[in-house]
């Protein structure tokens, strides 16, 4: 899930487009997590959807949206308890 950020600095007006100044993001409950597939940090949430793969339409059976900082193995343990 992509969230927009707002820069509080004036680096763009000074011609600096790749600044490392702090930013404010649009979703205060989202957080930073590590994406091991892409090898970079991501901001937002992780979506996990279980589908009925043997049906002709592959309909979603269960979907959960969790913070990006939670590890996949933690989430699987929580889902198995539900």
Foldseek 3Di string as FASTA:
>chain_A
DDWDKAAPDCVVVVVRDDDPGDIHTPDPVAAWAADPVVGDIDIGWDKDWQFPVPDPPRHTDDIDIGHRHDDPVVVVVVVVVD
